[in-house]
Amino acid sequence: MEFSSKLLENAVNEVAMLPGIGKRTAMRLVLHLLKQPSEQTQLLTEALTKMRNEIIYCQNCHNISDNTICEICNNTTRDHSIVCVVEDVRDVMAIENTRMYKGIYHVLGGKISPIEGISPSQLNIISLVEKVKQQKVSEIIFALSSTMEGDTTNFYIFKQIKEFNINVSTIARGISVGDELEYADEVTLGRSLLHRIPFESSIKSM
């Protein structure tokens, strides 16, 4: 792709680094921004900069938040004894959109993946085990994607908390094997949560 401006080329190259954005799409987006009033582009720049510099993670569940404790964890109407374990913040958003879950979350920040060099120590697992140890939790719901990495992560955490007297369940396999949670439709995801099964039963069926 030939560019008449180095400034344009640099902007396109940066936008093209975003996931799912190719060079042609990046070019369309950059040219669109170029046509907008400078104030509009400035607002976008300021919003991105403010988000990057000021956003924090909830001390309780590791969800993205504006405050030390996120709105979900601060909500007294939710059942704080039920914890849904998810991979990242996109899964929290997907489950919240179903409006069928009234517990709280624990965001791991990824899945165990030896191929990608991601070990248990790099995930938010220790803080989850601590919650269980402190007897603050009555049920853990595994809601990771139906992949080998997701199943490995589920099993690792299960072994860490097995000795404690709590219910450990997993979402029903309404989510196809290999699918990521964020791409599931709201009805399917909601039903998978409502019809969750004991985790040990899911191990036996594998």
N, C-alpha and C. Protein backbone atom coordinates (compact mmCIF):
# COMPACT_ATOMS: atom_id res chain seq x y z
N MET A 1 0.86 -1.20 0.00
CA MET A 1 0.00 0.00 0.00
C MET A 1 0.89 1.24 0.00
N GLU A 2 0.71 2.11 -0.99
CA GLU A 2 1.51 3.32 -1.12
C GLU A 2 0.83 4.48 -0.39
N PHE A 3 1.61 5.29 0.30
CA PHE A 3 1.09 6.42 1.05
C PHE A 3 1.71 7.72 0.54
N SER A 4 0.88 8.74 0.45
CA SER A 4 1.38 10.05 0.03
C SER A 4 1.90 10.86 1.21
N SER A 5 1.64 10.35 2.43
CA SER A 5 2.04 11.07 3.64
C SER A 5 2.58 10.08 4.66
N LYS A 6 3.72 10.42 5.23
CA LYS A 6 4.29 9.58 6.29
C LYS A 6 3.42 9.61 7.53
N LEU A 7 2.80 10.75 7.80
CA LEU A 7 1.90 10.88 8.95
C LEU A 7 0.71 9.94 8.80
N LEU A 8 0.15 9.91 7.58
CA LEU A 8 -0.96 9.01 7.29
C LEU A 8 -0.54 7.56 7.43
N GLU A 9 0.61 7.23 6.91
CA GLU A 9 1.12 5.86 6.98
C GLU A 9 1.31 5.41 8.42
N ASN A 10 1.86 6.28 9.25
CA ASN A 10 2.09 5.93 10.66
C ASN A 10 0.76 5.69 11.38
N ALA A 11 -0.24 6.54 11.09
CA ALA A 11 -1.55 6.40 11.73
C ALA A 11 -2.21 5.09 11.31
N VAL A 12 -2.14 4.77 10.02
CA VAL A 12 -2.72 3.52 9.51
C VAL A 12 -2.03 2.32 10.13
N ASN A 13 -0.71 2.35 10.22
CA ASN A 13 0.04 1.23 10.80
C ASN A 13 -0.34 0.99 12.26
N GLU A 14 -0.57 2.07 13.00
CA GLU A 14 -0.94 1.94 14.42
C GLU A 14 -2.35 1.35 14.55
N VAL A 15 -3.28 1.85 13.76
CA VAL A 15 -4.66 1.35 13.83
C VAL A 15 -4.72 -0.11 13.38
N ALA A 16 -3.90 -0.46 12.39
CA ALA A 16 -3.89 -1.83 11.86
C ALA A 16 -3.38 -2.84 12.89
N MET A 17 -2.75 -2.38 13.96
CA MET A 17 -2.26 -3.27 15.01
C MET A 17 -3.39 -3.75 15.91
N LEU A 18 -4.57 -3.11 15.83
CA LEU A 18 -5.71 -3.55 16.63
C LEU A 18 -6.22 -4.89 16.11
N PRO A 19 -6.72 -5.76 17.01
CA PRO A 19 -7.20 -7.08 16.57
C PRO A 19 -8.36 -6.99 15.60
N GLY A 20 -8.28 -7.77 14.54
CA GLY A 20 -9.36 -7.82 13.55
C GLY A 20 -9.37 -6.67 12.57
N ILE A 21 -8.35 -5.81 12.63
CA ILE A 21 -8.28 -4.66 11.73
C ILE A 21 -7.12 -4.86 10.75
N GLY A 22 -7.43 -4.93 9.47
CA GLY A 22 -6.39 -5.03 8.44
C GLY A 22 -6.00 -3.64 7.96
N LYS A 23 -5.04 -3.61 7.05
CA LYS A 23 -4.55 -2.32 6.55
C LYS A 23 -5.64 -1.52 5.83
N ARG A 24 -6.47 -2.20 5.04
CA ARG A 24 -7.51 -1.48 4.30
C ARG A 24 -8.56 -0.89 5.23
N THR A 25 -8.97 -1.68 6.23
CA THR A 25 -9.93 -1.16 7.21
C THR A 25 -9.32 -0.02 8.00
N ALA A 26 -8.04 -0.16 8.36
CA ALA A 26 -7.34 0.89 9.09
C ALA A 26 -7.30 2.17 8.27
N MET A 27 -7.07 2.04 6.98
CA MET A 27 -7.04 3.20 6.10
C MET A 27 -8.40 3.91 6.08
N ARG A 28 -9.49 3.12 5.99
CA ARG A 28 -10.83 3.72 5.98
C ARG A 28 -11.10 4.47 7.27
N LEU A 29 -10.71 3.87 8.40
CA LEU A 29 -10.95 4.51 9.70
C LEU A 29 -10.14 5.79 9.84
N VAL A 30 -8.90 5.75 9.45
CA VAL A 30 -8.04 6.93 9.57
C VAL A 30 -8.54 8.06 8.67
N LEU A 31 -8.92 7.72 7.43
CA LEU A 31 -9.44 8.75 6.52
C LEU A 31 -10.76 9.32 7.03
N HIS A 32 -11.57 8.47 7.67
CA HIS A 32 -12.82 8.95 8.28
C HIS A 32 -12.51 9.97 9.37
N LEU A 33 -11.54 9.64 10.24
CA LEU A 33 -11.16 10.57 11.31
C LEU A 33 -10.63 11.88 10.73
N LEU A 34 -9.91 11.77 9.64
CA LEU A 34 -9.32 12.95 9.01
C LEU A 34 -10.40 13.91 8.49
N LYS A 35 -11.55 13.34 8.12
CA LYS A 35 -12.65 14.16 7.59
C LYS A 35 -13.48 14.80 8.70
N GLN A 36 -13.35 14.26 9.92
CA GLN A 36 -14.15 14.79 11.03
C GLN A 36 -13.55 16.11 11.53
N PRO A 37 -14.37 16.91 12.21
CA PRO A 37 -13.83 18.14 12.83
C PRO A 37 -12.71 17.78 13.81
N SER A 38 -11.73 18.61 13.90
CA SER A 38 -10.58 18.31 14.77
C SER A 38 -11.01 18.10 16.22
N GLU A 39 -12.10 18.77 16.63
CA GLU A 39 -12.58 18.61 18.01
C GLU A 39 -13.04 17.18 18.28
N GLN A 40 -13.65 16.55 17.27
CA GLN A 40 -14.13 15.18 17.42
C GLN A 40 -12.96 14.22 17.59
N THR A 41 -11.93 14.41 16.78
CA THR A 41 -10.74 13.56 16.89
C THR A 41 -10.06 13.78 18.23
N GLN A 42 -10.06 15.02 18.70
CA GLN A 42 -9.45 15.33 19.99
C GLN A 42 -10.19 14.65 21.13
N LEU A 43 -11.53 14.60 21.05
CA LEU A 43 -12.33 13.92 22.08
C LEU A 43 -12.00 12.44 22.13
N LEU A 44 -11.84 11.82 20.95
CA LEU A 44 -11.48 10.41 20.89
C LEU A 44 -10.11 10.18 21.50
N THR A 45 -9.17 11.03 21.15
CA THR A 45 -7.80 10.92 21.69
C THR A 45 -7.79 11.06 23.20
N GLU A 46 -8.54 12.04 23.71
CA GLU A 46 -8.59 12.27 25.15
C GLU A 46 -9.25 11.10 25.88
N ALA A 47 -10.32 10.54 25.28
CA ALA A 47 -11.02 9.42 25.91
C ALA A 47 -10.10 8.20 26.02
N LEU A 48 -9.35 7.92 24.95
CA LEU A 48 -8.44 6.78 24.95
C LEU A 48 -7.30 6.99 25.95
N THR A 49 -6.75 8.20 25.97
CA THR A 49 -5.65 8.51 26.89
C THR A 49 -6.12 8.42 28.34
N LYS A 50 -7.30 8.98 28.61
CA LYS A 50 -7.85 8.96 29.98
C LYS A 50 -8.12 7.52 30.42
N MET A 51 -8.69 6.72 29.52
CA MET A 51 -8.95 5.31 29.84
C MET A 51 -7.65 4.58 30.16
N ARG A 52 -6.64 4.77 29.32
CA ARG A 52 -5.38 4.06 29.49
C ARG A 52 -4.67 4.45 30.78
N ASN A 53 -4.76 5.72 31.15
CA ASN A 53 -4.01 6.21 32.31
C ASN A 53 -4.75 6.07 33.63
N GLU A 54 -6.09 6.08 33.58
CA GLU A 54 -6.84 6.17 34.83
C GLU A 54 -7.64 4.93 35.19
N ILE A 55 -7.86 4.03 34.24
CA ILE A 55 -8.66 2.85 34.54
C ILE A 55 -7.91 1.94 35.51
N ILE A 56 -8.63 1.32 36.42
CA ILE A 56 -8.00 0.42 37.40
C ILE A 56 -8.76 -0.91 37.42
N TYR A 57 -8.26 -1.84 38.21
CA TYR A 57 -8.89 -3.15 38.32
C TYR A 57 -9.43 -3.33 39.74
N CYS A 58 -10.62 -3.88 39.82
CA CYS A 58 -11.28 -4.10 41.11
C CYS A 58 -10.41 -4.95 42.02
N GLN A 59 -10.23 -4.51 43.25
CA GLN A 59 -9.41 -5.25 44.21
C GLN A 59 -10.04 -6.58 44.60
N ASN A 60 -11.34 -6.69 44.41
CA ASN A 60 -12.04 -7.90 44.83
C ASN A 60 -12.13 -8.95 43.72
N CYS A 61 -12.50 -8.52 42.51
CA CYS A 61 -12.75 -9.49 41.44
C CYS A 61 -11.85 -9.34 40.21
N HIS A 62 -11.04 -8.25 40.18
CA HIS A 62 -10.11 -7.98 39.07
C HIS A 62 -10.81 -7.54 37.79
N ASN A 63 -12.06 -7.14 37.89
CA ASN A 63 -12.77 -6.59 36.74
C ASN A 63 -12.30 -5.15 36.51
N ILE A 64 -12.40 -4.67 35.27
CA ILE A 64 -12.07 -3.28 34.98
C ILE A 64 -13.05 -2.38 35.72
N SER A 65 -12.52 -1.32 36.30
CA SER A 65 -13.35 -0.45 37.13
C SER A 65 -12.82 0.97 37.14
N ASP A 66 -13.69 1.91 37.56
CA ASP A 66 -13.25 3.29 37.77
C ASP A 66 -12.82 3.50 39.22
N ASN A 67 -13.18 2.55 40.09
CA ASN A 67 -12.87 2.67 41.52
C ASN A 67 -12.20 1.38 42.01
N THR A 68 -11.69 1.42 43.23
CA THR A 68 -10.97 0.26 43.77
C THR A 68 -11.86 -0.97 43.88
N ILE A 69 -13.15 -0.76 44.11
CA ILE A 69 -14.13 -1.84 44.11
C ILE A 69 -15.16 -1.54 43.02
N CYS A 70 -15.38 -2.49 42.11
CA CYS A 70 -16.26 -2.25 40.97
C CYS A 70 -17.73 -2.17 41.39
N GLU A 71 -18.57 -1.71 40.47
CA GLU A 71 -19.99 -1.53 40.76
C GLU A 71 -20.68 -2.86 41.07
N ILE A 72 -20.25 -3.93 40.41
CA ILE A 72 -20.88 -5.24 40.65
C ILE A 72 -20.58 -5.72 42.07
N CYS A 73 -19.32 -5.63 42.47
CA CYS A 73 -18.95 -6.06 43.83
C CYS A 73 -19.54 -5.15 44.90
N ASN A 74 -19.81 -3.91 44.55
CA ASN A 74 -20.38 -2.95 45.50
C ASN A 74 -21.89 -3.07 45.61
N ASN A 75 -22.49 -3.86 44.73
CA ASN A 75 -23.94 -3.99 44.70
C ASN A 75 -24.42 -4.94 45.80
N THR A 76 -25.08 -4.41 46.79
CA THR A 76 -25.51 -5.21 47.95
C THR A 76 -26.68 -6.13 47.64
N THR A 77 -27.34 -5.94 46.49
CA THR A 77 -28.46 -6.80 46.14
C THR A 77 -28.01 -8.10 45.48
N ARG A 78 -26.73 -8.20 45.13
CA ARG A 78 -26.22 -9.41 44.49
C ARG A 78 -25.79 -10.42 45.54
N ASP A 79 -25.78 -11.69 45.16
CA ASP A 79 -25.38 -12.77 46.06
C ASP A 79 -23.86 -12.91 46.02
N HIS A 80 -23.20 -12.42 47.05
CA HIS A 80 -21.74 -12.41 47.09
C HIS A 80 -21.14 -13.77 47.45
N SER A 81 -22.01 -14.73 47.74
CA SER A 81 -21.50 -16.06 48.07
C SER A 81 -21.34 -16.93 46.83
N ILE A 82 -21.87 -16.47 45.69
CA ILE A 82 -21.74 -17.19 44.43
C ILE A 82 -20.77 -16.44 43.52
N VAL A 83 -19.71 -17.12 43.11
CA VAL A 83 -18.66 -16.49 42.31
C VAL A 83 -18.53 -17.19 40.96
N CYS A 84 -18.71 -16.42 39.90
CA CYS A 84 -18.56 -16.94 38.54
C CYS A 84 -17.15 -16.63 38.06
N VAL A 85 -16.39 -17.67 37.75
CA VAL A 85 -15.00 -17.51 37.33
C VAL A 85 -14.94 -17.40 35.81
N VAL A 86 -14.39 -16.29 35.32
CA VAL A 86 -14.30 -16.04 33.88
C VAL A 86 -12.87 -15.71 33.49
N GLU A 87 -12.64 -15.76 32.17
CA GLU A 87 -11.28 -15.49 31.67
C GLU A 87 -10.96 -14.01 31.69
N ASP A 88 -11.81 -13.17 31.11
CA ASP A 88 -11.52 -11.74 31.09
C ASP A 88 -12.79 -10.90 31.15
N VAL A 89 -12.62 -9.59 31.08
CA VAL A 89 -13.74 -8.66 31.29
C VAL A 89 -14.81 -8.78 30.21
N ARG A 90 -14.44 -9.25 29.02
CA ARG A 90 -15.44 -9.41 27.96
C ARG A 90 -16.47 -10.46 28.35
N ASP A 91 -16.04 -11.48 29.12
CA ASP A 91 -16.96 -12.52 29.56
C ASP A 91 -17.92 -11.99 30.62
N VAL A 92 -17.43 -11.09 31.47
CA VAL A 92 -18.32 -10.46 32.45
C VAL A 92 -19.43 -9.71 31.72
N MET A 93 -19.05 -8.95 30.69
CA MET A 93 -20.03 -8.19 29.92
C MET A 93 -21.04 -9.11 29.24
N ALA A 94 -20.54 -10.23 28.69
CA ALA A 94 -21.43 -11.17 28.00
C ALA A 94 -22.45 -11.76 28.96
N ILE A 95 -22.00 -12.15 30.15
CA ILE A 95 -22.91 -12.75 31.13
C ILE A 95 -23.88 -11.71 31.68
N GLU A 96 -23.39 -10.50 31.93
CA GLU A 96 -24.27 -9.44 32.43
C GLU A 96 -25.38 -9.12 31.43
N ASN A 97 -25.09 -9.24 30.16
CA ASN A 97 -26.10 -8.96 29.13
C ASN A 97 -27.26 -9.96 29.16
N THR A 98 -27.02 -11.16 29.74
CA THR A 98 -28.10 -12.14 29.83
C THR A 98 -29.12 -11.75 30.90
N ARG A 99 -28.70 -10.96 31.87
CA ARG A 99 -29.54 -10.52 33.00
C ARG A 99 -30.09 -11.71 33.80
N MET A 100 -29.39 -12.83 33.76
CA MET A 100 -29.85 -14.03 34.46
C MET A 100 -28.94 -14.42 35.63
N TYR A 101 -27.85 -13.69 35.82
CA TYR A 101 -26.91 -14.05 36.87
C TYR A 101 -26.88 -12.94 37.91
N LYS A 102 -27.01 -13.31 39.18
CA LYS A 102 -27.10 -12.33 40.25
C LYS A 102 -25.98 -12.47 41.28
N GLY A 103 -24.97 -13.28 40.96
CA GLY A 103 -23.83 -13.39 41.86
C GLY A 103 -22.76 -12.37 41.49
N ILE A 104 -21.52 -12.64 41.90
CA ILE A 104 -20.41 -11.76 41.53
C ILE A 104 -19.41 -12.56 40.69
N TYR A 105 -18.30 -11.95 40.32
CA TYR A 105 -17.36 -12.56 39.39
C TYR A 105 -15.95 -12.64 39.98
N HIS A 106 -15.13 -13.44 39.29
CA HIS A 106 -13.69 -13.43 39.54
C HIS A 106 -13.02 -13.55 38.18
N VAL A 107 -12.30 -12.50 37.78
CA VAL A 107 -11.67 -12.46 36.47
C VAL A 107 -10.23 -12.98 36.58
N LEU A 108 -9.95 -14.08 35.89
CA LEU A 108 -8.62 -14.70 35.97
C LEU A 108 -7.55 -13.93 35.21
N GLY A 109 -7.97 -13.26 34.14
CA GLY A 109 -6.99 -12.55 33.32
C GLY A 109 -6.34 -13.43 32.28
N GLY A 110 -6.97 -14.57 31.97
CA GLY A 110 -6.42 -15.48 30.96
C GLY A 110 -6.71 -16.93 31.32
N LYS A 111 -6.07 -17.84 30.59
CA LYS A 111 -6.19 -19.28 30.84
C LYS A 111 -4.81 -19.90 30.86
N ILE A 112 -4.67 -20.98 31.59
CA ILE A 112 -3.39 -21.69 31.62
C ILE A 112 -3.09 -22.22 30.22
N SER A 113 -1.92 -21.89 29.70
CA SER A 113 -1.55 -22.32 28.35
C SER A 113 -0.04 -22.47 28.25
N PRO A 114 0.46 -23.69 28.46
CA PRO A 114 1.92 -23.92 28.37
C PRO A 114 2.49 -23.51 27.01
N ILE A 115 1.70 -23.68 25.95
CA ILE A 115 2.17 -23.33 24.61
C ILE A 115 2.45 -21.84 24.51
N GLU A 116 1.59 -21.03 25.13
CA GLU A 116 1.77 -19.58 25.10
C GLU A 116 2.59 -19.08 26.29
N GLY A 117 3.06 -20.01 27.12
CA GLY A 117 3.89 -19.64 28.26
C GLY A 117 3.12 -19.01 29.40
N ILE A 118 1.81 -19.31 29.50
CA ILE A 118 0.99 -18.76 30.58
C ILE A 118 0.83 -19.82 31.67
N SER A 119 1.39 -19.56 32.83
CA SER A 119 1.34 -20.50 33.95
C SER A 119 0.30 -20.04 34.97
N PRO A 120 -0.08 -20.90 35.91
CA PRO A 120 -1.07 -20.52 36.94
C PRO A 120 -0.66 -19.29 37.73
N SER A 121 0.64 -19.12 37.95
CA SER A 121 1.12 -17.99 38.75
C SER A 121 0.87 -16.65 38.08
N GLN A 122 0.63 -16.66 36.77
CA GLN A 122 0.40 -15.42 36.04
C GLN A 122 -1.08 -15.02 36.02
N LEU A 123 -1.92 -15.88 36.57
CA LEU A 123 -3.36 -15.62 36.60
C LEU A 123 -3.81 -15.27 38.02
N ASN A 124 -5.02 -14.73 38.14
CA ASN A 124 -5.57 -14.34 39.45
C ASN A 124 -6.23 -15.55 40.13
N ILE A 125 -5.42 -16.56 40.40
CA ILE A 125 -5.94 -17.78 41.02
C ILE A 125 -5.76 -17.76 42.53
N ILE A 126 -4.64 -17.25 43.00
CA ILE A 126 -4.36 -17.23 44.44
C ILE A 126 -5.44 -16.45 45.19
N SER A 127 -5.85 -15.30 44.65
CA SER A 127 -6.87 -14.49 45.32
C SER A 127 -8.22 -15.20 45.35
N LEU A 128 -8.49 -16.04 44.34
CA LEU A 128 -9.74 -16.82 44.32
C LEU A 128 -9.70 -17.88 45.42
N VAL A 129 -8.59 -18.57 45.53
CA VAL A 129 -8.44 -19.60 46.57
C VAL A 129 -8.56 -18.97 47.95
N GLU A 130 -8.02 -17.76 48.12
CA GLU A 130 -8.11 -17.08 49.40
C GLU A 130 -9.56 -16.77 49.78
N LYS A 131 -10.36 -16.39 48.80
CA LYS A 131 -11.78 -16.14 49.06
C LYS A 131 -12.45 -17.40 49.59
N VAL A 132 -12.12 -18.54 48.98
CA VAL A 132 -12.70 -19.81 49.40
C VAL A 132 -12.23 -20.16 50.81
N LYS A 133 -10.96 -19.96 51.08
CA LYS A 133 -10.39 -20.26 52.40
C LYS A 133 -11.06 -19.45 53.50
N GLN A 134 -11.43 -18.22 53.16
CA GLN A 134 -12.04 -17.32 54.15
C GLN A 134 -13.53 -17.60 54.34
N GLN A 135 -14.01 -18.68 53.68
CA GLN A 135 -15.40 -19.12 53.80
C GLN A 135 -16.39 -18.02 53.39
N LYS A 136 -16.02 -17.24 52.38
CA LYS A 136 -16.91 -16.20 51.87
C LYS A 136 -17.73 -16.71 50.68
N VAL A 137 -17.42 -17.93 50.24
CA VAL A 137 -18.01 -18.44 49.01
C VAL A 137 -18.75 -19.76 49.26
N SER A 138 -19.96 -19.87 48.71
CA SER A 138 -20.71 -21.13 48.84
C SER A 138 -20.69 -21.92 47.53
N GLU A 139 -20.50 -21.20 46.40
CA GLU A 139 -20.44 -21.88 45.11
C GLU A 139 -19.50 -21.16 44.15
N ILE A 140 -18.70 -21.95 43.47
CA ILE A 140 -17.85 -21.46 42.39
C ILE A 140 -18.44 -21.99 41.08
N ILE A 141 -18.66 -21.09 40.12
CA ILE A 141 -19.15 -21.48 38.80
C ILE A 141 -18.04 -21.26 37.78
N PHE A 142 -17.59 -22.31 37.14
CA PHE A 142 -16.60 -22.17 36.08
C PHE A 142 -17.30 -21.76 34.79
N ALA A 143 -16.91 -20.62 34.23
CA ALA A 143 -17.52 -20.15 32.98
C ALA A 143 -16.42 -19.78 31.98
N LEU A 144 -15.44 -20.67 31.88
CA LEU A 144 -14.38 -20.47 30.89
C LEU A 144 -14.79 -21.10 29.57
N SER A 145 -14.13 -20.73 28.50
CA SER A 145 -14.46 -21.26 27.18
C SER A 145 -14.21 -22.76 27.12
N SER A 146 -14.95 -23.43 26.25
CA SER A 146 -14.87 -24.90 26.14
C SER A 146 -13.69 -25.31 25.26
N THR A 147 -12.50 -24.95 25.71
CA THR A 147 -11.27 -25.30 25.00
C THR A 147 -10.39 -26.13 25.91
N MET A 148 -9.33 -26.68 25.36
CA MET A 148 -8.40 -27.47 26.18
C MET A 148 -7.80 -26.61 27.28
N GLU A 149 -7.47 -25.34 26.93
CA GLU A 149 -6.90 -24.44 27.92
C GLU A 149 -7.91 -24.11 29.01
N GLY A 150 -9.17 -23.91 28.60
CA GLY A 150 -10.21 -23.63 29.57
C GLY A 150 -10.43 -24.78 30.52
N ASP A 151 -10.49 -26.00 29.97
CA ASP A 151 -10.69 -27.20 30.80
C ASP A 151 -9.50 -27.42 31.73
N THR A 152 -8.29 -27.16 31.24
CA THR A 152 -7.09 -27.31 32.07
C THR A 152 -7.13 -26.34 33.24
N THR A 153 -7.53 -25.11 32.97
CA THR A 153 -7.61 -24.09 34.02
C THR A 153 -8.68 -24.45 35.05
N ASN A 154 -9.83 -24.90 34.58
CA ASN A 154 -10.89 -25.34 35.48
C ASN A 154 -10.39 -26.43 36.42
N PHE A 155 -9.73 -27.43 35.85
CA PHE A 155 -9.28 -28.58 36.64
C PHE A 155 -8.21 -28.16 37.64
N TYR A 156 -7.33 -27.26 37.24
CA TYR A 156 -6.27 -26.80 38.15
C TYR A 156 -6.89 -26.10 39.37
N ILE A 157 -7.84 -25.20 39.11
CA ILE A 157 -8.49 -24.48 40.21
C ILE A 157 -9.28 -25.44 41.08
N PHE A 158 -9.96 -26.39 40.45
CA PHE A 158 -10.75 -27.37 41.19
C PHE A 158 -9.88 -28.13 42.19
N LYS A 159 -8.68 -28.50 41.78
CA LYS A 159 -7.77 -29.20 42.68
C LYS A 159 -7.34 -28.32 43.85
N GLN A 160 -7.25 -27.01 43.62
CA GLN A 160 -6.83 -26.09 44.67
C GLN A 160 -7.91 -25.89 45.73
N ILE A 161 -9.19 -26.05 45.35
CA ILE A 161 -10.28 -25.74 46.28
C ILE A 161 -11.09 -26.98 46.66
N LYS A 162 -10.68 -28.15 46.16
CA LYS A 162 -11.45 -29.37 46.36
C LYS A 162 -11.66 -29.71 47.83
N GLU A 163 -10.68 -29.40 48.68
CA GLU A 163 -10.76 -29.78 50.09
C GLU A 163 -11.77 -28.96 50.88
N PHE A 164 -12.21 -27.83 50.31
CA PHE A 164 -13.15 -26.97 51.01
C PHE A 164 -14.59 -27.37 50.69
N ASN A 165 -15.45 -27.16 51.65
CA ASN A 165 -16.84 -27.62 51.52
C ASN A 165 -17.70 -26.59 50.79
N ILE A 166 -17.49 -26.50 49.47
CA ILE A 166 -18.31 -25.60 48.66
C ILE A 166 -18.75 -26.32 47.39
N ASN A 167 -19.81 -25.83 46.80
CA ASN A 167 -20.26 -26.37 45.52
C ASN A 167 -19.39 -25.82 44.39
N VAL A 168 -18.98 -26.71 43.50
CA VAL A 168 -18.21 -26.29 42.32
C VAL A 168 -18.96 -26.78 41.09
N SER A 169 -19.40 -25.84 40.26
CA SER A 169 -20.19 -26.20 39.08
C SER A 169 -19.56 -25.59 37.83
N THR A 170 -20.07 -26.01 36.70
CA THR A 170 -19.63 -25.45 35.44
C THR A 170 -20.85 -25.19 34.56
N ILE A 171 -20.76 -24.20 33.70
CA ILE A 171 -21.90 -23.90 32.83
C ILE A 171 -22.18 -25.10 31.94
N ALA A 172 -23.45 -25.31 31.63
CA ALA A 172 -23.84 -26.44 30.79
C ALA A 172 -23.26 -26.27 29.39
N ARG A 173 -23.08 -27.39 28.68
CA ARG A 173 -22.44 -27.34 27.38
C ARG A 173 -23.38 -26.89 26.27
N GLY A 174 -24.19 -25.87 26.58
CA GLY A 174 -24.94 -25.23 25.52
C GLY A 174 -23.99 -24.43 24.65
N ILE A 175 -22.81 -24.12 25.24
CA ILE A 175 -21.76 -23.45 24.49
C ILE A 175 -20.95 -24.52 23.78
N SER A 176 -20.84 -24.42 22.47
CA SER A 176 -20.14 -25.44 21.68
C SER A 176 -18.67 -25.55 22.10
N VAL A 177 -18.14 -26.77 22.02
CA VAL A 177 -16.74 -27.00 22.35
C VAL A 177 -15.87 -26.17 21.43
N GLY A 178 -14.92 -25.45 22.02
CA GLY A 178 -14.02 -24.61 21.24
C GLY A 178 -14.49 -23.18 21.11
N ASP A 179 -15.73 -22.89 21.55
CA ASP A 179 -16.27 -21.53 21.42
C ASP A 179 -15.81 -20.65 22.58
N GLU A 180 -15.63 -19.38 22.28
CA GLU A 180 -15.34 -18.39 23.31
C GLU A 180 -16.66 -17.86 23.85
N LEU A 181 -16.69 -17.57 25.14
CA LEU A 181 -17.92 -17.17 25.82
C LEU A 181 -18.50 -15.88 25.23
N GLU A 182 -17.64 -14.93 24.89
CA GLU A 182 -18.12 -13.63 24.46
C GLU A 182 -18.92 -13.68 23.16
N TYR A 183 -18.75 -14.76 22.36
CA TYR A 183 -19.44 -14.86 21.08
C TYR A 183 -20.75 -15.63 21.18
N ALA A 184 -21.05 -16.18 22.35
CA ALA A 184 -22.31 -16.92 22.52
C ALA A 184 -23.48 -15.94 22.57
N ASP A 185 -24.62 -16.36 22.02
CA ASP A 185 -25.79 -15.48 22.10
C ASP A 185 -26.30 -15.46 23.53
N GLU A 186 -27.02 -14.41 23.88
CA GLU A 186 -27.42 -14.19 25.26
C GLU A 186 -28.34 -15.27 25.80
N VAL A 187 -29.25 -15.78 24.98
CA VAL A 187 -30.18 -16.82 25.43
C VAL A 187 -29.43 -18.11 25.75
N THR A 188 -28.54 -18.53 24.84
CA THR A 188 -27.77 -19.75 25.07
C THR A 188 -26.90 -19.63 26.30
N LEU A 189 -26.22 -18.49 26.44
CA LEU A 189 -25.35 -18.28 27.58
C LEU A 189 -26.15 -18.25 28.88
N GLY A 190 -27.29 -17.59 28.86
CA GLY A 190 -28.13 -17.53 30.06
C GLY A 190 -28.61 -18.89 30.49
N ARG A 191 -29.04 -19.70 29.52
CA ARG A 191 -29.50 -21.06 29.84
C ARG A 191 -28.36 -21.92 30.35
N SER A 192 -27.17 -21.72 29.80
CA SER A 192 -26.01 -22.49 30.25
C SER A 192 -25.69 -22.20 31.71
N LEU A 193 -25.92 -20.97 32.12
CA LEU A 193 -25.70 -20.60 33.52
C LEU A 193 -26.78 -21.19 34.42
N LEU A 194 -28.03 -21.08 33.98
CA LEU A 194 -29.14 -21.58 34.79
C LEU A 194 -29.10 -23.10 34.95
N HIS A 195 -28.64 -23.80 33.92
CA HIS A 195 -28.62 -25.26 33.95
C HIS A 195 -27.20 -25.80 34.18
N ARG A 196 -26.42 -25.05 34.97
CA ARG A 196 -25.06 -25.49 35.27
C ARG A 196 -25.07 -26.83 35.99
N ILE A 197 -23.97 -27.56 35.85
CA ILE A 197 -23.87 -28.91 36.41
C ILE A 197 -22.68 -29.00 37.36
N PRO A 198 -22.68 -29.95 38.30
CA PRO A 198 -21.53 -30.13 39.18
C PRO A 198 -20.26 -30.36 38.36
N PHE A 199 -19.17 -29.72 38.75
CA PHE A 199 -17.93 -29.82 37.96
C PHE A 199 -17.43 -31.25 37.88
N GLU A 200 -17.53 -32.01 38.96
CA GLU A 200 -17.05 -33.39 38.96
C GLU A 200 -17.78 -34.23 37.93
N SER A 201 -19.06 -33.94 37.71
CA SER A 201 -19.82 -34.67 36.69
C SER A 201 -19.27 -34.37 35.30
N SER A 202 -18.84 -33.13 35.09
CA SER A 202 -18.32 -32.76 33.78
C SER A 202 -16.98 -33.43 33.52
N ILE A 203 -16.20 -33.67 34.58
CA ILE A 203 -14.91 -34.37 34.42
C ILE A 203 -15.16 -35.80 33.99
N LYS A 204 -16.15 -36.46 34.61
CA LYS A 204 -16.44 -37.86 34.31
C LYS A 204 -16.94 -38.04 32.88
N SER A 205 -17.59 -37.00 32.36
CA SER A 205 -18.15 -37.10 31.02
C SER A 205 -17.15 -36.78 29.91
N MET A 206 -15.96 -36.31 30.33
CA MET A 206 -14.95 -35.93 29.33
C MET A 206 -14.20 -37.13 28.81
